Amino acid sequence: MDEFADQIFDHVITLCGSADQNCPAFFGGVTRAHIGFDDPDKATGTEDEILAVFRRVRDDIRERIEKYLTGNEAGA
């Protein structure tokens, strides 16, 4: 977070469950949204099954962030 300490943000979107509760405070009219996803790092199974979980989460993130940015999703 130190890397971004002096930057101003309009929106902060958290993605993992713990980030919603543990995300640092942002001041100055920041719009916060939480759009939660499964943690693909916790996937089990064969290499192909784990890869499929990572790809599903990647695709879900892309889809839901695009919807959020176009005003079609208010966050979860």
PDB file of N, CA and C in Angstrom:
ATOM      1  N   MET A   1       0.809  -1.191   0.000  1.00  0.00           N
ATOM      2  CA  MET A   1       0.000   0.000   0.000  1.00  0.00           C
ATOM      3  C   MET A   1       0.857   1.261   0.000  1.00  0.00           C
ATOM      4  N   ASP A   2       2.060   1.183   0.516  1.00  0.00           N
ATOM      5  CA  ASP A   2       2.919   2.367   0.557  1.00  0.00           C
ATOM      6  C   ASP A   2       3.134   2.948  -0.842  1.00  0.00           C
ATOM      7  N   GLU A   3       3.161   2.079  -1.833  1.00  0.00           N
ATOM      8  CA  GLU A   3       3.364   2.504  -3.218  1.00  0.00           C
ATOM      9  C   GLU A   3       2.276   3.483  -3.675  1.00  0.00           C
ATOM     10  N   PHE A   4       1.071   3.353  -3.118  1.00  0.00           N
ATOM     11  CA  PHE A   4      -0.058   4.170  -3.549  1.00  0.00           C
ATOM     12  C   PHE A   4      -0.446   5.247  -2.530  1.00  0.00           C
ATOM     13  N   ALA A   5       0.349   5.441  -1.496  1.00  0.00           N
ATOM     14  CA  ALA A   5      -0.010   6.314  -0.370  1.00  0.00           C
ATOM     15  C   ALA A   5      -0.321   7.741  -0.791  1.00  0.00           C
ATOM     16  N   ASP A   6       0.349   8.279  -1.770  1.00  0.00           N
ATOM     17  CA  ASP A   6       0.150   9.675  -2.151  1.00  0.00           C
ATOM     18  C   ASP A   6      -0.801   9.846  -3.332  1.00  0.00           C
ATOM     19  N   GLN A   7      -1.436   8.768  -3.776  1.00  0.00           N
ATOM     20  CA  GLN A   7      -2.332   8.851  -4.914  1.00  0.00           C
ATOM     21  C   GLN A   7      -3.778   9.016  -4.453  1.00  0.00           C
ATOM     22  N   ILE A   8      -4.569   9.637  -5.304  1.00  0.00           N
ATOM     23  CA  ILE A   8      -5.986   9.852  -5.023  1.00  0.00           C
ATOM     24  C   ILE A   8      -6.789   8.866  -5.868  1.00  0.00           C
ATOM     25  N   PHE A   9      -7.779   8.241  -5.236  1.00  0.00           N
ATOM     26  CA  PHE A   9      -8.615   7.267  -5.919  1.00  0.00           C
ATOM     27  C   PHE A   9     -10.073   7.698  -5.873  1.00  0.00           C
ATOM     28  N   ASP A  10     -10.797   7.443  -6.947  1.00  0.00           N
ATOM     29  CA  ASP A  10     -12.235   7.673  -6.970  1.00  0.00           C
ATOM     30  C   ASP A  10     -12.977   6.429  -6.480  1.00  0.00           C
ATOM     31  N   HIS A  11     -12.452   5.256  -6.825  1.00  0.00           N
ATOM     32  CA  HIS A  11     -13.083   3.988  -6.483  1.00  0.00           C
ATOM     33  C   HIS A  11     -12.044   3.030  -5.921  1.00  0.00           C
ATOM     34  N   VAL A  12     -12.456   2.257  -4.938  1.00  0.00           N
ATOM     35  CA  VAL A  12     -11.655   1.155  -4.424  1.00  0.00           C
ATOM     36  C   VAL A  12     -12.562  -0.065  -4.444  1.00  0.00           C
ATOM     37  N   ILE A  13     -12.121  -1.107  -5.139  1.00  0.00           N
ATOM     38  CA  ILE A  13     -12.901  -2.337  -5.241  1.00  0.00           C
ATOM     39  C   ILE A  13     -12.091  -3.453  -4.605  1.00  0.00           C
ATOM     40  N   THR A  14     -12.650  -4.067  -3.576  1.00  0.00           N
ATOM     41  CA  THR A  14     -11.996  -5.220  -2.957  1.00  0.00           C
ATOM     42  C   THR A  14     -12.596  -6.481  -3.549  1.00  0.00           C
ATOM     43  N   LEU A  15     -11.766  -7.523  -3.650  1.00  0.00           N
ATOM     44  CA  LEU A  15     -12.195  -8.733  -4.341  1.00  0.00           C
ATOM     45  C   LEU A  15     -12.256  -9.966  -3.454  1.00  0.00           C
ATOM     46  N   CYS A  16     -11.371 -10.108  -2.508  1.00  0.00           N
ATOM     47  CA  CYS A  16     -11.392 -11.306  -1.673  1.00  0.00           C
ATOM     48  C   CYS A  16     -12.126 -11.017  -0.370  1.00  0.00           C
ATOM     49  N   GLY A  17     -12.627 -12.060   0.264  1.00  0.00           N
ATOM     50  CA  GLY A  17     -13.445 -11.904   1.458  1.00  0.00           C
ATOM     51  C   GLY A  17     -12.793 -11.097   2.557  1.00  0.00           C
ATOM     52  N   SER A  18     -11.562 -11.388   2.881  1.00  0.00           N
ATOM     53  CA  SER A  18     -10.907 -10.690   3.984  1.00  0.00           C
ATOM     54  C   SER A  18     -10.576  -9.245   3.638  1.00  0.00           C
ATOM     55  N   ALA A  19     -10.438  -8.927   2.368  1.00  0.00           N
ATOM     56  CA  ALA A  19     -10.107  -7.548   1.981  1.00  0.00           C
ATOM     57  C   ALA A  19     -11.230  -6.590   2.335  1.00  0.00           C
ATOM     58  N   ASP A  20     -12.465  -7.066   2.291  1.00  0.00           N
ATOM     59  CA  ASP A  20     -13.602  -6.200   2.628  1.00  0.00           C
ATOM     60  C   ASP A  20     -13.487  -5.703   4.065  1.00  0.00           C
ATOM     61  N   GLN A  21     -13.054  -6.570   4.973  1.00  0.00           N
ATOM     62  CA  GLN A  21     -12.922  -6.193   6.373  1.00  0.00           C
ATOM     63  C   GLN A  21     -11.559  -5.567   6.685  1.00  0.00           C
ATOM     64  N   ASN A  22     -10.525  -5.938   5.961  1.00  0.00           N
ATOM     65  CA  ASN A  22      -9.164  -5.540   6.305  1.00  0.00           C
ATOM     66  C   ASN A  22      -8.563  -4.476   5.401  1.00  0.00           C
ATOM     67  N   CYS A  23      -9.295  -4.014   4.416  1.00  0.00           N
ATOM     68  CA  CYS A  23      -8.772  -3.009   3.496  1.00  0.00           C
ATOM     69  C   CYS A  23      -8.513  -1.716   4.256  1.00  0.00           C
ATOM     70  N   PRO A  24      -7.394  -1.086   4.007  1.00  0.00           N
ATOM     71  CA  PRO A  24      -7.105   0.175   4.700  1.00  0.00           C
ATOM     72  C   PRO A  24      -8.150   1.230   4.358  1.00  0.00           C
ATOM     73  N   ALA A  25      -8.264   2.207   5.207  1.00  0.00           N
ATOM     74  CA  ALA A  25      -9.213   3.297   4.988  1.00  0.00           C
ATOM     75  C   ALA A  25      -8.725   4.201   3.859  1.00  0.00           C
ATOM     76  N   PHE A  26      -9.639   4.616   3.034  1.00  0.00           N
ATOM     77  CA  PHE A  26      -9.363   5.580   1.975  1.00  0.00           C
ATOM     78  C   PHE A  26     -10.247   6.783   2.237  1.00  0.00           C
ATOM     79  N   PHE A  27      -9.668   7.962   2.214  1.00  0.00           N
ATOM     80  CA  PHE A  27     -10.399   9.179   2.540  1.00  0.00           C
ATOM     81  C   PHE A  27     -10.585  10.044   1.300  1.00  0.00           C
ATOM     82  N   GLY A  28     -11.473  11.005   1.416  1.00  0.00           N
ATOM     83  CA  GLY A  28     -11.637  11.980   0.343  1.00  0.00           C
ATOM     84  C   GLY A  28     -12.685  11.606  -0.682  1.00  0.00           C
ATOM     85  N   GLY A  29     -13.794  11.047  -0.253  1.00  0.00           N
ATOM     86  CA  GLY A  29     -14.877  10.768  -1.175  1.00  0.00           C
ATOM     87  C   GLY A  29     -14.704   9.527  -2.016  1.00  0.00           C
ATOM     88  N   VAL A  30     -13.928   8.594  -1.553  1.00  0.00           N
ATOM     89  CA  VAL A  30     -13.710   7.346  -2.285  1.00  0.00           C
ATOM     90  C   VAL A  30     -14.975   6.496  -2.234  1.00  0.00           C
ATOM     91  N   THR A  31     -15.368   5.978  -3.374  1.00  0.00           N
ATOM     92  CA  THR A  31     -16.463   5.026  -3.436  1.00  0.00           C
ATOM     93  C   THR A  31     -15.875   3.637  -3.259  1.00  0.00           C
ATOM     94  N   ARG A  32     -16.332   2.931  -2.223  1.00  0.00           N
ATOM     95  CA  ARG A  32     -15.840   1.571  -1.975  1.00  0.00           C
ATOM     96  C   ARG A  32     -16.898   0.572  -2.385  1.00  0.00           C
ATOM     97  N   ALA A  33     -16.451  -0.487  -2.990  1.00  0.00           N
ATOM     98  CA  ALA A  33     -17.339  -1.593  -3.351  1.00  0.00           C
ATOM     99  C   ALA A  33     -16.602  -2.888  -3.072  1.00  0.00           C
ATOM    100  N   HIS A  34     -17.356  -3.880  -2.652  1.00  0.00           N
ATOM    101  CA  HIS A  34     -16.774  -5.204  -2.462  1.00  0.00           C
ATOM    102  C   HIS A  34     -17.478  -6.158  -3.402  1.00  0.00           C
ATOM    103  N   ILE A  35     -16.700  -6.826  -4.222  1.00  0.00           N
ATOM    104  CA  ILE A  35     -17.219  -7.838  -5.138  1.00  0.00           C
ATOM    105  C   ILE A  35     -16.430  -9.104  -4.835  1.00  0.00           C
ATOM    106  N   GLY A  36     -17.009  -9.983  -4.036  1.00  0.00           N
ATOM    107  CA  GLY A  36     -16.277 -11.146  -3.546  1.00  0.00           C
ATOM    108  C   GLY A  36     -16.193 -12.296  -4.531  1.00  0.00           C
ATOM    109  N   PHE A  37     -15.125 -13.039  -4.417  1.00  0.00           N
ATOM    110  CA  PHE A  37     -14.869 -14.199  -5.260  1.00  0.00           C
ATOM    111  C   PHE A  37     -14.274 -15.319  -4.426  1.00  0.00           C
ATOM    112  N   ASP A  38     -14.404 -16.536  -4.932  1.00  0.00           N
ATOM    113  CA  ASP A  38     -13.712 -17.671  -4.322  1.00  0.00           C
ATOM    114  C   ASP A  38     -12.211 -17.422  -4.429  1.00  0.00           C
ATOM    115  N   ASP A  39     -11.464 -17.936  -3.464  1.00  0.00           N
ATOM    116  CA  ASP A  39     -10.011 -17.835  -3.515  1.00  0.00           C
ATOM    117  C   ASP A  39      -9.485 -19.022  -4.312  1.00  0.00           C
ATOM    118  N   PRO A  40      -9.011 -18.811  -5.533  1.00  0.00           N
ATOM    119  CA  PRO A  40      -8.570 -19.933  -6.354  1.00  0.00           C
ATOM    120  C   PRO A  40      -7.342 -20.633  -5.783  1.00  0.00           C
ATOM    121  N   ASP A  41      -6.623 -19.966  -4.904  1.00  0.00           N
ATOM    122  CA  ASP A  41      -5.441 -20.574  -4.297  1.00  0.00           C
ATOM    123  C   ASP A  41      -5.825 -21.727  -3.373  1.00  0.00           C
ATOM    124  N   LYS A  42      -7.086 -21.787  -2.988  1.00  0.00           N
ATOM    125  CA  LYS A  42      -7.552 -22.866  -2.113  1.00  0.00           C
ATOM    126  C   LYS A  42      -8.128 -24.040  -2.896  1.00  0.00           C
ATOM    127  N   ALA A  43      -8.082 -23.974  -4.216  1.00  0.00           N
ATOM    128  CA  ALA A  43      -8.612 -25.043  -5.056  1.00  0.00           C
ATOM    129  C   ALA A  43      -7.808 -26.328  -4.859  1.00  0.00           C
ATOM    130  N   THR A  44      -8.497 -27.437  -4.918  1.00  0.00           N
ATOM    131  CA  THR A  44      -7.843 -28.738  -4.809  1.00  0.00           C
ATOM    132  C   THR A  44      -8.213 -29.579  -6.027  1.00  0.00           C
ATOM    133  N   GLY A  45      -7.461 -30.629  -6.236  1.00  0.00           N
ATOM    134  CA  GLY A  45      -7.724 -31.532  -7.344  1.00  0.00           C
ATOM    135  C   GLY A  45      -6.490 -31.686  -8.196  1.00  0.00           C
ATOM    136  N   THR A  46      -6.726 -32.139  -9.403  1.00  0.00           N
ATOM    137  CA  THR A  46      -5.615 -32.300 -10.342  1.00  0.00           C
ATOM    138  C   THR A  46      -5.157 -30.925 -10.820  1.00  0.00           C
ATOM    139  N   GLU A  47      -4.020 -30.913 -11.470  1.00  0.00           N
ATOM    140  CA  GLU A  47      -3.514 -29.656 -12.012  1.00  0.00           C
ATOM    141  C   GLU A  47      -4.526 -29.012 -12.956  1.00  0.00           C
ATOM    142  N   ASP A  48      -5.168 -29.825 -13.784  1.00  0.00           N
ATOM    143  CA  ASP A  48      -6.174 -29.300 -14.713  1.00  0.00           C
ATOM    144  C   ASP A  48      -7.395 -28.756 -13.977  1.00  0.00           C
ATOM    145  N   GLU A  49      -7.817 -29.418 -12.911  1.00  0.00           N
ATOM    146  CA  GLU A  49      -8.970 -28.950 -12.138  1.00  0.00           C
ATOM    147  C   GLU A  49      -8.656 -27.622 -11.440  1.00  0.00           C
ATOM    148  N   ILE A  50      -7.457 -27.525 -10.894  1.00  0.00           N
ATOM    149  CA  ILE A  50      -7.047 -26.289 -10.225  1.00  0.00           C
ATOM    150  C   ILE A  50      -6.939 -25.152 -11.243  1.00  0.00           C
ATOM    151  N   LEU A  51      -6.362 -25.431 -12.391  1.00  0.00           N
ATOM    152  CA  LEU A  51      -6.253 -24.429 -13.446  1.00  0.00           C
ATOM    153  C   LEU A  51      -7.643 -23.954 -13.878  1.00  0.00           C
ATOM    154  N   ALA A  52      -8.596 -24.861 -13.943  1.00  0.00           N
ATOM    155  CA  ALA A  52      -9.963 -24.498 -14.322  1.00  0.00           C
ATOM    156  C   ALA A  52     -10.575 -23.535 -13.302  1.00  0.00           C
ATOM    157  N   VAL A  53     -10.288 -23.740 -12.029  1.00  0.00           N
ATOM    158  CA  VAL A  53     -10.795 -22.833 -10.992  1.00  0.00           C
ATOM    159  C   VAL A  53     -10.173 -21.447 -11.163  1.00  0.00           C
ATOM    160  N   PHE A  54      -8.863 -21.384 -11.358  1.00  0.00           N
ATOM    161  CA  PHE A  54      -8.202 -20.090 -11.569  1.00  0.00           C
ATOM    162  C   PHE A  54      -8.795 -19.373 -12.784  1.00  0.00           C
ATOM    163  N   ARG A  55      -9.026 -20.102 -13.848  1.00  0.00           N
ATOM    164  CA  ARG A  55      -9.585 -19.480 -15.058  1.00  0.00           C
ATOM    165  C   ARG A  55     -11.018 -19.000 -14.825  1.00  0.00           C
ATOM    166  N   ARG A  56     -11.818 -19.779 -14.087  1.00  0.00           N
ATOM    167  CA  ARG A  56     -13.194 -19.383 -13.799  1.00  0.00           C
ATOM    168  C   ARG A  56     -13.217 -18.105 -12.982  1.00  0.00           C
ATOM    169  N   VAL A  57     -12.379 -18.044 -11.949  1.00  0.00           N
ATOM    170  CA  VAL A  57     -12.337 -16.849 -11.112  1.00  0.00           C
ATOM    171  C   VAL A  57     -11.834 -15.655 -11.923  1.00  0.00           C
ATOM    172  N   ARG A  58     -10.820 -15.859 -12.737  1.00  0.00           N
ATOM    173  CA  ARG A  58     -10.317 -14.784 -13.604  1.00  0.00           C
ATOM    174  C   ARG A  58     -11.436 -14.239 -14.491  1.00  0.00           C
ATOM    175  N   ASP A  59     -12.189 -15.125 -15.100  1.00  0.00           N
ATOM    176  CA  ASP A  59     -13.268 -14.711 -15.983  1.00  0.00           C
ATOM    177  C   ASP A  59     -14.391 -14.028 -15.210  1.00  0.00           C
ATOM    178  N   ASP A  60     -14.704 -14.533 -14.010  1.00  0.00           N
ATOM    179  CA  ASP A  60     -15.724 -13.903 -13.164  1.00  0.00           C
ATOM    180  C   ASP A  60     -15.311 -12.492 -12.774  1.00  0.00           C
ATOM    181  N   ILE A  61     -14.034 -12.315 -12.420  1.00  0.00           N
ATOM    182  CA  ILE A  61     -13.543 -10.985 -12.045  1.00  0.00           C
ATOM    183  C   ILE A  61     -13.713 -10.035 -13.224  1.00  0.00           C
ATOM    184  N   ARG A  62     -13.277 -10.457 -14.385  1.00  0.00           N
ATOM    185  CA  ARG A  62     -13.386  -9.604 -15.575  1.00  0.00           C
ATOM    186  C   ARG A  62     -14.841  -9.206 -15.827  1.00  0.00           C
ATOM    187  N   GLU A  63     -15.727 -10.163 -15.806  1.00  0.00           N
ATOM    188  CA  GLU A  63     -17.134  -9.908 -16.099  1.00  0.00           C
ATOM    189  C   GLU A  63     -17.774  -8.973 -15.068  1.00  0.00           C
ATOM    190  N   ARG A  64     -17.545  -9.252 -13.807  1.00  0.00           N
ATOM    191  CA  ARG A  64     -18.199  -8.452 -12.757  1.00  0.00           C
ATOM    192  C   ARG A  64     -17.606  -7.065 -12.632  1.00  0.00           C
ATOM    193  N   ILE A  65     -16.301  -6.906 -12.849  1.00  0.00           N
ATOM    194  CA  ILE A  65     -15.701  -5.571 -12.822  1.00  0.00           C
ATOM    195  C   ILE A  65     -16.212  -4.756 -14.009  1.00  0.00           C
ATOM    196  N   GLU A  66     -16.304  -5.371 -15.184  1.00  0.00           N
ATOM    197  CA  GLU A  66     -16.848  -4.656 -16.344  1.00  0.00           C
ATOM    198  C   GLU A  66     -18.283  -4.213 -16.070  1.00  0.00           C
ATOM    199  N   LYS A  67     -19.094  -5.092 -15.470  1.00  0.00           N
ATOM    200  CA  LYS A  67     -20.468  -4.723 -15.130  1.00  0.00           C
ATOM    201  C   LYS A  67     -20.487  -3.583 -14.117  1.00  0.00           C
ATOM    202  N   TYR A  68     -19.624  -3.650 -13.126  1.00  0.00           N
ATOM    203  CA  TYR A  68     -19.557  -2.593 -12.116  1.00  0.00           C
ATOM    204  C   TYR A  68     -19.205  -1.256 -12.770  1.00  0.00           C
ATOM    205  N   LEU A  69     -18.200  -1.258 -13.614  1.00  0.00           N
ATOM    206  CA  LEU A  69     -17.730  -0.023 -14.227  1.00  0.00           C
ATOM    207  C   LEU A  69     -18.735   0.569 -15.207  1.00  0.00           C
ATOM    208  N   THR A  70     -19.623  -0.245 -15.754  1.00  0.00           N
ATOM    209  CA  THR A  70     -20.650   0.265 -16.667  1.00  0.00           C
ATOM    210  C   THR A  70     -21.961   0.536 -15.944  1.00  0.00           C
ATOM    211  N   GLY A  71     -21.965   0.359 -14.613  1.00  0.00           N
ATOM    212  CA  GLY A  71     -23.152   0.667 -13.840  1.00  0.00           C
ATOM    213  C   GLY A  71     -24.192  -0.432 -13.792  1.00  0.00           C
ATOM    214  N   ASN A  72     -23.828  -1.624 -14.227  1.00  0.00           N
ATOM    215  CA  ASN A  72     -24.783  -2.739 -14.262  1.00  0.00           C
ATOM    216  C   ASN A  72     -24.690  -3.648 -13.048  1.00  0.00           C
ATOM    217  N   GLU A  73     -23.806  -3.351 -12.114  1.00  0.00           N
ATOM    218  CA  GLU A  73     -23.683  -4.134 -10.894  1.00  0.00           C
ATOM    219  C   GLU A  73     -23.231  -3.199  -9.785  1.00  0.00           C
ATOM    220  N   ALA A  74     -23.892  -3.304  -8.641  1.00  0.00           N
ATOM    221  CA  ALA A  74     -23.569  -2.408  -7.538  1.00  0.00           C
ATOM    222  C   ALA A  74     -22.572  -3.008  -6.570  1.00  0.00           C
ATOM    223  N   GLY A  75     -22.029  -4.153  -6.856  1.00  0.00           N
ATOM    224  CA  GLY A  75     -21.145  -4.833  -5.911  1.00  0.00           C
ATOM    225  C   GLY A  75     -21.919  -5.924  -5.199  1.00  0.00           C
ATOM    226  N   ALA A  76     -21.200  -6.764  -4.504  1.00  0.00           N
ATOM    227  CA  ALA A  76     -21.871  -7.882  -3.839  1.00  0.00           C
ATOM    228  C   ALA A  76     -21.851  -7.703  -2.364  1.00  0.00           C
TER     229      ALA A  76
END
